[in-house]
N, C-alpha and C. Protein backbone atom coordinates (compact mmCIF):
# COMPACT_ATOMS: atom_id res chain seq x y z
N UNK A 1 168.38 69.94 37.19
CA UNK A 1 168.56 70.30 35.77
C UNK A 1 169.92 70.95 35.59
N UNK A 2 170.67 70.50 34.60
CA UNK A 2 171.98 71.07 34.35
C UNK A 2 171.84 72.48 33.78
N UNK A 3 172.94 73.21 33.80
CA UNK A 3 172.94 74.57 33.24
C UNK A 3 172.57 74.53 31.75
N UNK A 4 173.11 73.59 31.03
CA UNK A 4 172.82 73.50 29.60
C UNK A 4 171.35 73.16 29.36
N UNK A 5 170.82 72.22 30.12
CA UNK A 5 169.40 71.88 29.98
C UNK A 5 168.51 73.08 30.30
N UNK A 6 168.93 73.86 31.29
CA UNK A 6 168.18 75.06 31.66
C UNK A 6 168.12 76.04 30.49
N UNK A 7 169.25 76.27 29.83
CA UNK A 7 169.29 77.21 28.72
C UNK A 7 168.52 76.69 27.52
N UNK A 8 168.60 75.40 27.26
CA UNK A 8 167.85 74.82 26.14
C UNK A 8 166.35 74.90 26.40
N UNK A 9 165.93 74.66 27.64
CA UNK A 9 164.51 74.74 27.98
C UNK A 9 163.99 76.16 27.79
N UNK A 10 164.80 77.14 28.18
CA UNK A 10 164.41 78.54 28.00
C UNK A 10 164.34 78.88 26.52
N UNK A 11 165.27 78.35 25.74
CA UNK A 11 165.25 78.60 24.29
C UNK A 11 163.96 78.07 23.67
N UNK A 12 163.53 76.88 24.11
CA UNK A 12 162.30 76.29 23.55
C UNK A 12 161.08 77.16 23.82
N UNK A 13 161.09 77.88 24.93
CA UNK A 13 159.92 78.68 25.31
C UNK A 13 160.01 80.13 24.83
N UNK A 14 161.08 80.48 24.15
CA UNK A 14 161.30 81.85 23.69
C UNK A 14 160.75 82.03 22.28
N UNK A 15 160.08 83.17 22.03
CA UNK A 15 159.57 83.46 20.70
C UNK A 15 160.70 83.43 19.68
N UNK A 16 160.42 82.89 18.51
CA UNK A 16 161.44 82.89 17.47
C UNK A 16 161.07 81.94 16.35
N UNK A 17 161.94 81.88 15.36
CA UNK A 17 161.65 81.15 14.13
C UNK A 17 162.64 80.01 13.88
N UNK A 18 163.45 79.68 14.87
CA UNK A 18 164.45 78.63 14.69
C UNK A 18 163.94 77.32 15.30
N UNK A 19 163.73 76.28 14.48
CA UNK A 19 163.33 74.98 15.03
C UNK A 19 164.40 74.46 15.99
N UNK A 20 163.96 73.64 16.92
CA UNK A 20 164.88 73.17 17.96
C UNK A 20 166.08 72.43 17.38
N UNK A 21 165.88 71.57 16.39
CA UNK A 21 167.00 70.82 15.83
C UNK A 21 168.05 71.75 15.22
N UNK A 22 167.59 72.83 14.60
CA UNK A 22 168.53 73.80 14.04
C UNK A 22 169.23 74.57 15.15
N UNK A 23 168.50 74.87 16.21
CA UNK A 23 169.11 75.54 17.35
C UNK A 23 170.19 74.70 17.99
N UNK A 24 169.92 73.41 18.14
CA UNK A 24 170.91 72.51 18.72
C UNK A 24 172.13 72.37 17.80
N UNK A 25 171.89 72.38 16.49
CA UNK A 25 173.00 72.33 15.54
C UNK A 25 173.82 73.61 15.61
N UNK A 26 173.15 74.74 15.81
CA UNK A 26 173.86 76.00 15.96
C UNK A 26 174.72 75.98 17.23
N UNK A 27 174.15 75.45 18.30
CA UNK A 27 174.92 75.31 19.54
C UNK A 27 176.15 74.44 19.31
N UNK A 28 175.99 73.33 18.61
CA UNK A 28 177.11 72.42 18.39
C UNK A 28 178.20 73.09 17.56
N UNK A 29 177.80 73.86 16.54
CA UNK A 29 178.78 74.58 15.74
C UNK A 29 179.53 75.59 16.60
N UNK A 30 178.81 76.27 17.47
CA UNK A 30 179.43 77.25 18.36
C UNK A 30 180.32 76.55 19.39
N UNK A 31 179.88 75.42 19.88
CA UNK A 31 180.69 74.68 20.84
C UNK A 31 182.03 74.29 20.23
N UNK A 32 182.00 73.87 18.98
CA UNK A 32 183.23 73.51 18.29
C UNK A 32 184.11 74.73 18.07
N UNK A 33 183.49 75.88 17.78
CA UNK A 33 184.26 77.12 17.66
C UNK A 33 184.94 77.45 18.99
N UNK A 34 184.23 77.16 20.07
CA UNK A 34 184.78 77.45 21.39
C UNK A 34 185.95 76.57 21.77
N UNK A 35 186.10 75.45 21.09
CA UNK A 35 187.24 74.57 21.37
C UNK A 35 188.57 75.23 21.01
N UNK A 36 188.51 76.25 20.18
CA UNK A 36 189.71 77.01 19.81
C UNK A 36 190.13 77.97 20.91
N UNK A 37 189.29 78.11 21.93
CA UNK A 37 189.58 79.02 23.03
C UNK A 37 188.58 80.16 23.04
N UNK A 38 188.66 80.99 24.07
CA UNK A 38 187.76 82.13 24.19
C UNK A 38 187.89 83.01 22.95
N UNK A 39 186.74 83.40 22.40
CA UNK A 39 186.77 84.19 21.18
C UNK A 39 185.72 85.28 21.19
N UNK A 40 185.65 86.00 20.07
CA UNK A 40 184.68 87.06 19.87
C UNK A 40 183.69 86.59 18.82
N UNK A 41 182.42 86.52 19.17
CA UNK A 41 181.37 86.00 18.30
C UNK A 41 180.33 87.09 18.03
N UNK A 42 179.66 86.95 16.89
CA UNK A 42 178.61 87.91 16.54
C UNK A 42 177.45 87.19 15.87
N UNK A 43 176.24 87.50 16.33
CA UNK A 43 175.04 87.08 15.60
C UNK A 43 174.36 88.32 15.05
N UNK A 44 173.89 88.21 13.82
CA UNK A 44 173.13 89.28 13.18
C UNK A 44 171.69 88.82 13.09
N UNK A 45 170.82 89.47 13.83
CA UNK A 45 169.41 89.08 13.89
C UNK A 45 169.16 88.28 15.15
N UNK A 46 168.51 88.90 16.13
CA UNK A 46 168.32 88.25 17.42
C UNK A 46 166.87 88.02 17.78
N UNK A 47 165.97 88.84 17.23
CA UNK A 47 164.53 88.77 17.53
C UNK A 47 164.32 88.82 19.04
N UNK A 48 163.77 87.79 19.65
CA UNK A 48 163.54 87.81 21.10
C UNK A 48 164.59 87.01 21.87
N UNK A 49 165.60 86.50 21.17
CA UNK A 49 166.72 85.87 21.86
C UNK A 49 166.80 84.36 21.80
N UNK A 50 165.98 83.72 20.96
CA UNK A 50 166.03 82.26 20.89
C UNK A 50 167.41 81.78 20.42
N UNK A 51 167.87 82.26 19.26
CA UNK A 51 169.19 81.84 18.78
C UNK A 51 170.29 82.32 19.70
N UNK A 52 170.07 83.46 20.36
CA UNK A 52 171.06 84.00 21.28
C UNK A 52 171.33 83.03 22.42
N UNK A 53 170.31 82.31 22.85
CA UNK A 53 170.48 81.35 23.94
C UNK A 53 171.32 80.16 23.52
N UNK A 54 171.08 79.65 22.31
CA UNK A 54 171.89 78.53 21.85
C UNK A 54 173.35 78.94 21.70
N UNK A 55 173.59 80.11 21.13
CA UNK A 55 174.95 80.60 21.00
C UNK A 55 175.54 80.96 22.36
N UNK A 56 174.71 81.58 23.19
CA UNK A 56 175.18 82.01 24.51
C UNK A 56 175.59 80.86 25.39
N UNK A 57 174.89 79.73 25.26
CA UNK A 57 175.24 78.55 26.05
C UNK A 57 176.66 78.10 25.73
N UNK A 58 177.01 78.08 24.43
CA UNK A 58 178.35 77.69 24.03
C UNK A 58 179.37 78.76 24.38
N UNK A 59 178.98 80.02 24.25
CA UNK A 59 179.89 81.12 24.58
C UNK A 59 180.25 81.10 26.06
N UNK A 60 179.26 80.88 26.91
CA UNK A 60 179.51 80.83 28.34
C UNK A 60 180.49 79.72 28.68
N UNK A 61 180.31 78.55 28.08
CA UNK A 61 181.15 77.40 28.39
C UNK A 61 182.60 77.63 27.95
N UNK A 62 182.80 78.39 26.88
CA UNK A 62 184.15 78.60 26.37
C UNK A 62 184.73 79.95 26.77
N UNK A 63 183.97 80.70 27.60
CA UNK A 63 184.39 82.04 28.04
C UNK A 63 184.56 82.99 26.86
N UNK A 64 183.76 82.76 25.82
CA UNK A 64 183.75 83.66 24.67
C UNK A 64 182.76 84.79 24.94
N UNK A 65 182.84 85.84 24.13
CA UNK A 65 181.90 86.95 24.23
C UNK A 65 181.06 86.98 22.97
N UNK A 66 179.75 86.97 23.15
CA UNK A 66 178.82 86.99 22.03
C UNK A 66 178.19 88.37 21.91
N UNK A 67 178.41 89.02 20.77
CA UNK A 67 177.69 90.24 20.43
C UNK A 67 176.42 89.85 19.69
N UNK A 68 175.30 90.40 20.12
CA UNK A 68 174.00 90.09 19.52
C UNK A 68 173.46 91.38 18.90
N UNK A 69 173.46 91.42 17.57
CA UNK A 69 173.16 92.65 16.84
C UNK A 69 171.76 92.61 16.24
N UNK A 70 170.99 93.65 16.50
CA UNK A 70 169.64 93.76 15.94
C UNK A 70 169.14 95.18 16.19
N UNK A 71 168.40 95.75 15.21
CA UNK A 71 167.75 97.05 15.49
C UNK A 71 166.44 96.84 16.23
N UNK A 72 165.98 95.60 16.27
CA UNK A 72 164.83 95.17 17.07
C UNK A 72 163.49 95.76 16.62
N UNK A 73 163.42 96.23 15.38
CA UNK A 73 162.14 96.68 14.85
C UNK A 73 161.60 95.74 13.78
N UNK A 74 162.23 94.59 13.61
CA UNK A 74 161.72 93.56 12.71
C UNK A 74 162.05 93.81 11.25
N UNK A 75 162.14 92.72 10.51
CA UNK A 75 162.36 92.80 9.08
C UNK A 75 161.02 93.04 8.36
N UNK A 76 161.11 93.13 7.04
CA UNK A 76 159.91 93.42 6.25
C UNK A 76 158.78 92.43 6.52
N UNK A 77 159.15 91.14 6.61
CA UNK A 77 158.12 90.10 6.77
C UNK A 77 157.50 90.08 8.16
N UNK A 78 158.06 90.88 9.09
CA UNK A 78 157.53 90.92 10.45
C UNK A 78 156.54 92.07 10.66
N UNK A 79 156.35 92.92 9.65
CA UNK A 79 155.54 94.11 9.83
C UNK A 79 154.05 93.82 9.69
N UNK A 80 153.25 94.75 10.15
CA UNK A 80 151.79 94.60 10.12
C UNK A 80 151.32 94.29 8.69
N UNK A 81 150.47 93.29 8.58
CA UNK A 81 149.94 92.90 7.28
C UNK A 81 150.75 91.81 6.61
N UNK A 82 151.91 91.45 7.20
CA UNK A 82 152.75 90.41 6.63
C UNK A 82 152.60 89.12 7.44
N UNK A 83 153.13 88.05 6.88
CA UNK A 83 152.89 86.71 7.42
C UNK A 83 153.34 86.54 8.86
N UNK A 84 154.48 87.13 9.23
CA UNK A 84 155.06 86.86 10.55
C UNK A 84 154.88 88.01 11.54
N UNK A 85 153.84 88.81 11.33
CA UNK A 85 153.55 89.91 12.25
C UNK A 85 153.01 89.37 13.58
N UNK A 86 153.47 89.95 14.68
CA UNK A 86 153.03 89.55 16.02
C UNK A 86 152.61 90.79 16.79
N UNK A 87 151.31 90.95 16.99
CA UNK A 87 150.76 92.13 17.66
C UNK A 87 151.33 92.31 19.07
N UNK A 88 151.69 91.22 19.73
CA UNK A 88 152.20 91.30 21.10
C UNK A 88 153.54 92.01 21.18
N UNK A 89 154.22 92.16 20.05
CA UNK A 89 155.55 92.77 20.04
C UNK A 89 155.53 94.25 19.65
N UNK A 90 154.33 94.81 19.49
CA UNK A 90 154.21 96.22 19.11
C UNK A 90 154.34 97.10 20.35
N UNK A 91 155.17 98.14 20.23
CA UNK A 91 155.36 99.11 21.31
C UNK A 91 154.21 100.12 21.26
N UNK A 92 153.38 100.20 22.31
CA UNK A 92 152.25 101.12 22.28
C UNK A 92 152.67 102.59 22.22
N UNK A 93 153.93 102.86 22.56
CA UNK A 93 154.40 104.26 22.55
C UNK A 93 154.41 104.84 21.15
N UNK A 94 154.95 104.08 20.19
CA UNK A 94 155.05 104.61 18.83
C UNK A 94 154.42 103.72 17.77
N UNK A 95 153.84 102.58 18.19
CA UNK A 95 153.17 101.70 17.24
C UNK A 95 154.10 100.85 16.40
N UNK A 96 155.41 100.92 16.70
CA UNK A 96 156.36 100.11 15.93
C UNK A 96 156.63 98.80 16.65
N UNK A 97 157.01 97.81 15.85
CA UNK A 97 157.48 96.55 16.42
C UNK A 97 158.73 96.82 17.24
N UNK A 98 158.82 96.22 18.42
CA UNK A 98 160.01 96.42 19.26
C UNK A 98 160.25 95.15 20.08
N UNK A 99 161.25 94.38 19.65
CA UNK A 99 161.57 93.13 20.34
C UNK A 99 162.63 93.31 21.42
N UNK A 100 163.20 94.50 21.54
CA UNK A 100 164.30 94.69 22.49
C UNK A 100 163.92 94.33 23.94
N UNK A 101 162.78 94.78 24.47
CA UNK A 101 162.46 94.41 25.86
C UNK A 101 162.35 92.90 26.05
N UNK A 102 161.85 92.22 25.05
CA UNK A 102 161.71 90.76 25.12
C UNK A 102 163.09 90.11 25.10
N UNK A 103 163.98 90.60 24.22
CA UNK A 103 165.35 90.09 24.17
C UNK A 103 166.07 90.32 25.50
N UNK A 104 165.90 91.51 26.07
CA UNK A 104 166.55 91.82 27.34
C UNK A 104 166.07 90.89 28.45
N UNK A 105 164.76 90.63 28.48
CA UNK A 105 164.24 89.72 29.50
C UNK A 105 164.77 88.31 29.31
N UNK A 106 164.89 87.89 28.06
CA UNK A 106 165.43 86.56 27.77
C UNK A 106 166.84 86.41 28.30
N UNK A 107 167.69 87.38 28.01
CA UNK A 107 169.09 87.31 28.43
C UNK A 107 169.20 87.41 29.95
N UNK A 108 168.38 88.24 30.57
CA UNK A 108 168.39 88.35 32.02
C UNK A 108 167.91 87.05 32.67
N UNK A 109 166.84 86.48 32.13
CA UNK A 109 166.32 85.22 32.68
C UNK A 109 167.34 84.10 32.56
N UNK A 110 168.15 84.15 31.51
CA UNK A 110 169.16 83.12 31.27
C UNK A 110 170.44 83.37 32.07
N UNK A 111 170.53 84.52 32.72
CA UNK A 111 171.74 84.91 33.46
C UNK A 111 172.96 84.87 32.55
N UNK A 112 172.79 85.48 31.38
CA UNK A 112 173.88 85.52 30.39
C UNK A 112 174.39 86.94 30.15
N UNK A 113 174.10 87.83 31.06
CA UNK A 113 174.43 89.24 30.82
C UNK A 113 175.93 89.51 30.85
N UNK A 114 176.73 88.61 31.40
CA UNK A 114 178.18 88.77 31.36
C UNK A 114 178.80 88.10 30.14
N UNK A 115 177.99 87.36 29.40
CA UNK A 115 178.45 86.62 28.23
C UNK A 115 177.95 87.21 26.93
N UNK A 116 176.76 87.83 26.96
CA UNK A 116 176.11 88.35 25.77
C UNK A 116 176.00 89.87 25.87
N UNK A 117 176.45 90.56 24.83
CA UNK A 117 176.38 92.02 24.76
C UNK A 117 175.49 92.41 23.59
N UNK A 118 174.46 93.17 23.85
CA UNK A 118 173.57 93.60 22.79
C UNK A 118 174.14 94.78 22.02
N UNK A 119 174.10 94.70 20.69
CA UNK A 119 174.43 95.83 19.82
C UNK A 119 173.13 96.27 19.17
N UNK A 120 172.65 97.45 19.54
CA UNK A 120 171.32 97.89 19.11
C UNK A 120 171.47 98.93 18.01
N UNK A 121 171.11 98.56 16.80
CA UNK A 121 171.22 99.48 15.68
C UNK A 121 171.25 98.73 14.37
N UNK A 122 171.50 99.47 13.31
CA UNK A 122 171.52 98.86 11.98
C UNK A 122 172.88 98.24 11.70
N UNK A 123 172.85 97.07 11.10
CA UNK A 123 174.04 96.27 10.90
C UNK A 123 175.15 97.01 10.16
N UNK A 124 174.82 97.67 9.06
CA UNK A 124 175.84 98.34 8.26
C UNK A 124 176.52 99.47 9.03
N UNK A 125 175.74 100.22 9.80
CA UNK A 125 176.30 101.33 10.56
C UNK A 125 177.27 100.83 11.62
N UNK A 126 176.91 99.74 12.29
CA UNK A 126 177.77 99.20 13.34
C UNK A 126 179.00 98.54 12.74
N UNK A 127 178.85 97.85 11.63
CA UNK A 127 179.98 97.17 10.99
C UNK A 127 181.08 98.16 10.62
N UNK A 128 180.70 99.34 10.20
CA UNK A 128 181.67 100.34 9.77
C UNK A 128 182.58 100.79 10.90
N UNK A 129 182.15 100.59 12.14
CA UNK A 129 182.94 101.04 13.30
C UNK A 129 183.38 99.88 14.19
N UNK A 130 183.20 98.67 13.73
CA UNK A 130 183.54 97.48 14.51
C UNK A 130 184.85 96.92 13.97
N UNK A 131 185.90 96.94 14.80
CA UNK A 131 187.23 96.59 14.32
C UNK A 131 187.73 95.24 14.84
N UNK A 132 186.99 94.61 15.74
CA UNK A 132 187.45 93.33 16.29
C UNK A 132 187.30 92.21 15.26
N UNK A 133 188.28 91.32 15.26
CA UNK A 133 188.17 90.12 14.44
C UNK A 133 187.16 89.17 15.08
N UNK A 134 186.49 88.38 14.26
CA UNK A 134 185.45 87.47 14.74
C UNK A 134 185.90 86.01 14.59
N UNK A 135 185.59 85.23 15.61
CA UNK A 135 185.85 83.79 15.57
C UNK A 135 184.61 83.00 15.15
N UNK A 136 183.45 83.64 15.25
CA UNK A 136 182.19 83.04 14.83
C UNK A 136 181.27 84.14 14.35
N UNK A 137 180.60 83.90 13.22
CA UNK A 137 179.64 84.84 12.66
C UNK A 137 178.38 84.07 12.28
N UNK A 138 177.24 84.50 12.82
CA UNK A 138 175.96 83.89 12.50
C UNK A 138 175.11 84.94 11.80
N UNK A 139 174.75 84.68 10.54
CA UNK A 139 173.96 85.61 9.75
C UNK A 139 172.51 85.15 9.71
N UNK A 140 171.63 85.93 10.34
CA UNK A 140 170.21 85.61 10.38
C UNK A 140 169.40 86.90 10.49
N UNK A 141 169.87 87.94 9.78
CA UNK A 141 169.18 89.23 9.81
C UNK A 141 168.10 89.31 8.75
N UNK A 142 167.91 90.50 8.22
CA UNK A 142 166.90 90.69 7.18
C UNK A 142 167.24 89.89 5.94
N UNK A 143 166.20 89.37 5.27
CA UNK A 143 166.41 88.52 4.11
C UNK A 143 166.18 89.25 2.78
N UNK A 144 165.91 90.54 2.84
CA UNK A 144 165.85 91.32 1.60
C UNK A 144 167.24 91.29 0.97
N UNK A 145 167.28 91.34 -0.36
CA UNK A 145 168.55 91.14 -1.07
C UNK A 145 169.64 92.11 -0.60
N UNK A 146 169.33 93.40 -0.58
CA UNK A 146 170.34 94.39 -0.23
C UNK A 146 170.83 94.19 1.20
N UNK A 147 169.92 93.86 2.10
CA UNK A 147 170.27 93.71 3.51
C UNK A 147 171.15 92.47 3.73
N UNK A 148 170.74 91.34 3.18
CA UNK A 148 171.49 90.11 3.37
C UNK A 148 172.90 90.20 2.77
N UNK A 149 172.99 90.76 1.57
CA UNK A 149 174.31 90.89 0.94
C UNK A 149 175.19 91.86 1.71
N UNK A 150 174.60 92.93 2.24
CA UNK A 150 175.39 93.88 3.04
C UNK A 150 175.95 93.20 4.28
N UNK A 151 175.15 92.35 4.92
CA UNK A 151 175.64 91.63 6.10
C UNK A 151 176.83 90.75 5.74
N UNK A 152 176.72 90.05 4.62
CA UNK A 152 177.81 89.16 4.20
C UNK A 152 179.07 89.95 3.85
N UNK A 153 178.91 91.02 3.08
CA UNK A 153 180.08 91.80 2.65
C UNK A 153 180.69 92.61 3.79
N UNK A 154 179.87 93.11 4.70
CA UNK A 154 180.37 93.96 5.77
C UNK A 154 181.02 93.18 6.90
N UNK A 155 180.48 92.00 7.17
CA UNK A 155 180.95 91.23 8.33
C UNK A 155 181.82 90.03 7.98
N UNK A 156 181.60 89.43 6.81
CA UNK A 156 182.37 88.26 6.42
C UNK A 156 183.87 88.45 6.47
N UNK A 157 184.40 89.58 5.99
CA UNK A 157 185.84 89.78 6.02
C UNK A 157 186.44 89.87 7.42
N UNK A 158 185.61 90.08 8.43
CA UNK A 158 186.10 90.17 9.80
C UNK A 158 186.31 88.79 10.44
N UNK A 159 185.89 87.74 9.75
CA UNK A 159 186.00 86.38 10.28
C UNK A 159 187.42 85.86 10.07
N UNK A 160 188.02 85.34 11.13
CA UNK A 160 189.41 84.89 11.08
C UNK A 160 189.52 83.54 10.38
N UNK A 161 190.72 83.19 9.93
CA UNK A 161 190.97 81.86 9.38
C UNK A 161 190.63 80.82 10.44
N UNK A 162 189.88 79.80 10.06
CA UNK A 162 189.43 78.79 11.01
C UNK A 162 188.14 79.16 11.71
N UNK A 163 187.66 80.39 11.48
CA UNK A 163 186.43 80.83 12.12
C UNK A 163 185.20 80.20 11.51
N UNK A 164 184.11 80.19 12.27
CA UNK A 164 182.85 79.56 11.87
C UNK A 164 181.89 80.59 11.30
N UNK A 165 181.34 80.29 10.12
CA UNK A 165 180.28 81.09 9.51
C UNK A 165 179.02 80.23 9.47
N UNK A 166 177.97 80.67 10.13
CA UNK A 166 176.68 79.97 10.11
C UNK A 166 175.65 80.89 9.44
N UNK A 167 174.84 80.31 8.56
CA UNK A 167 173.82 81.08 7.84
C UNK A 167 172.48 80.37 8.00
N UNK A 168 171.46 81.12 8.40
CA UNK A 168 170.14 80.54 8.63
C UNK A 168 169.20 80.83 7.45
N UNK A 169 168.19 80.02 7.32
CA UNK A 169 167.15 80.15 6.29
C UNK A 169 167.73 79.98 4.89
N UNK A 170 168.57 78.98 4.74
CA UNK A 170 169.14 78.64 3.43
C UNK A 170 168.25 77.58 2.78
N UNK A 171 167.60 77.96 1.68
CA UNK A 171 166.70 77.04 0.99
C UNK A 171 167.10 76.95 -0.48
N UNK A 172 167.45 75.75 -0.92
CA UNK A 172 167.80 75.56 -2.33
C UNK A 172 166.59 75.73 -3.23
N UNK A 173 165.40 75.36 -2.73
CA UNK A 173 164.16 75.46 -3.50
C UNK A 173 163.52 76.83 -3.23
N UNK A 174 163.39 77.69 -4.25
CA UNK A 174 162.80 79.01 -4.04
C UNK A 174 161.40 78.97 -3.44
N UNK A 175 160.68 77.86 -3.63
CA UNK A 175 159.33 77.75 -3.09
C UNK A 175 159.33 77.65 -1.58
N UNK A 176 160.48 77.31 -0.99
CA UNK A 176 160.55 77.13 0.46
C UNK A 176 160.98 78.38 1.21
N UNK A 177 161.58 79.34 0.52
CA UNK A 177 162.03 80.54 1.21
C UNK A 177 162.77 81.48 0.28
N UNK A 178 163.07 82.66 0.81
CA UNK A 178 163.75 83.69 0.01
C UNK A 178 165.13 83.27 -0.44
N UNK A 179 165.61 83.89 -1.50
CA UNK A 179 166.87 83.49 -2.13
C UNK A 179 168.13 84.07 -1.49
N UNK A 180 168.14 85.28 -0.94
CA UNK A 180 169.41 85.86 -0.51
C UNK A 180 170.24 85.00 0.45
N UNK A 181 169.67 84.36 1.49
CA UNK A 181 170.52 83.53 2.34
C UNK A 181 171.17 82.38 1.57
N UNK A 182 170.42 81.77 0.64
CA UNK A 182 170.98 80.70 -0.19
C UNK A 182 172.08 81.25 -1.08
N UNK A 183 171.86 82.44 -1.63
CA UNK A 183 172.84 83.01 -2.55
C UNK A 183 174.14 83.39 -1.84
N UNK A 184 174.06 83.90 -0.62
CA UNK A 184 175.31 84.23 0.07
C UNK A 184 176.03 82.96 0.53
N UNK A 185 175.24 81.94 0.86
CA UNK A 185 175.84 80.64 1.19
C UNK A 185 176.60 80.10 -0.01
N UNK A 186 175.98 80.17 -1.20
CA UNK A 186 176.65 79.68 -2.40
C UNK A 186 177.88 80.53 -2.72
N UNK A 187 177.78 81.84 -2.54
CA UNK A 187 178.93 82.71 -2.81
C UNK A 187 180.11 82.34 -1.89
N UNK A 188 179.80 82.09 -0.63
CA UNK A 188 180.86 81.72 0.31
C UNK A 188 181.54 80.42 -0.12
N UNK A 189 180.74 79.43 -0.49
CA UNK A 189 181.32 78.15 -0.93
C UNK A 189 182.10 78.30 -2.23
N UNK A 190 181.51 79.00 -3.18
CA UNK A 190 182.13 79.13 -4.50
C UNK A 190 183.40 79.96 -4.46
N UNK A 191 183.55 80.78 -3.43
CA UNK A 191 184.75 81.61 -3.32
C UNK A 191 185.99 80.77 -3.06
N UNK A 192 185.78 79.55 -2.53
CA UNK A 192 186.91 78.71 -2.16
C UNK A 192 187.49 79.05 -0.81
N UNK A 193 186.94 80.08 -0.16
CA UNK A 193 187.45 80.50 1.14
C UNK A 193 186.84 79.72 2.29
N UNK A 194 185.77 78.98 2.01
CA UNK A 194 185.03 78.30 3.07
C UNK A 194 184.82 76.83 2.73
N UNK A 195 184.78 76.03 3.78
CA UNK A 195 184.48 74.60 3.68
C UNK A 195 183.21 74.34 4.47
N UNK A 196 182.23 73.68 3.86
CA UNK A 196 180.99 73.38 4.59
C UNK A 196 181.25 72.25 5.58
N UNK A 197 180.80 72.46 6.82
CA UNK A 197 181.02 71.46 7.86
C UNK A 197 179.74 70.93 8.46
N UNK A 198 178.59 71.49 8.11
CA UNK A 198 177.35 71.00 8.67
C UNK A 198 176.12 71.58 8.00
N UNK A 199 175.04 70.79 7.98
CA UNK A 199 173.77 71.23 7.41
C UNK A 199 172.65 70.57 8.19
N UNK A 200 171.78 71.37 8.80
CA UNK A 200 170.63 70.86 9.53
C UNK A 200 169.43 71.74 9.19
N UNK A 201 168.43 71.17 8.55
CA UNK A 201 167.29 71.98 8.15
C UNK A 201 167.76 73.09 7.23
N UNK A 202 167.46 74.32 7.58
CA UNK A 202 167.88 75.47 6.76
C UNK A 202 169.16 76.12 7.28
N UNK A 203 169.80 75.49 8.25
CA UNK A 203 171.05 76.03 8.80
C UNK A 203 172.24 75.43 8.07
N UNK A 204 173.15 76.29 7.63
CA UNK A 204 174.40 75.85 7.02
C UNK A 204 175.56 76.38 7.83
N UNK A 205 176.53 75.50 8.06
CA UNK A 205 177.71 75.87 8.86
C UNK A 205 178.95 75.69 8.00
N UNK A 206 179.78 76.70 7.95
CA UNK A 206 181.00 76.67 7.16
C UNK A 206 182.18 77.11 8.03
N UNK A 207 183.38 76.76 7.60
CA UNK A 207 184.57 77.20 8.30
C UNK A 207 185.51 77.87 7.30
N UNK A 208 186.01 79.04 7.69
CA UNK A 208 186.95 79.74 6.81
C UNK A 208 188.27 78.96 6.76
N UNK A 209 188.77 78.76 5.54
CA UNK A 209 190.02 78.02 5.37
C UNK A 209 191.21 78.83 5.91
């Protein structure tokens, strides 16, 4: 089994909400970003590491560094009583959802610890102190309006010209999913600063002009 096949197989078996076709499209977008040379990449929203593996596979091949940002306590829809709650992810110490140990095991199992760096905390707090320019930005954090817009406004300006912006859970039909990811996708396109380069399922890929 090749290294890439190994990482894809692990991604398929990792808890998460990204369909395989979208994961492969995310990998392809990241691979193309890597053609520009080693870069600094960031994903917002990691859960147990499924998307991290697709991005990490491309980052490893291009000698890029992937920052994986998540507070690891789940978004609103992941909490007890909501549709995507998973009892197996609850920390018995404090009763809160905690995906960090699962994410750490995923990255260790994938042998990506030299390629992927975890940023553990709230996106806005980390963005305020993060000064590196980004060559790739993947937005897949909380989908509440304030949270999604904060991710776009706080991190989008750090993306370099020619850099890749990927946004997950973009649904034009409100019946299929929440509006904020679609709205920030439309804002990016309507700004004239971005060109859409790919669409697979709910994944949209854009490039900064």
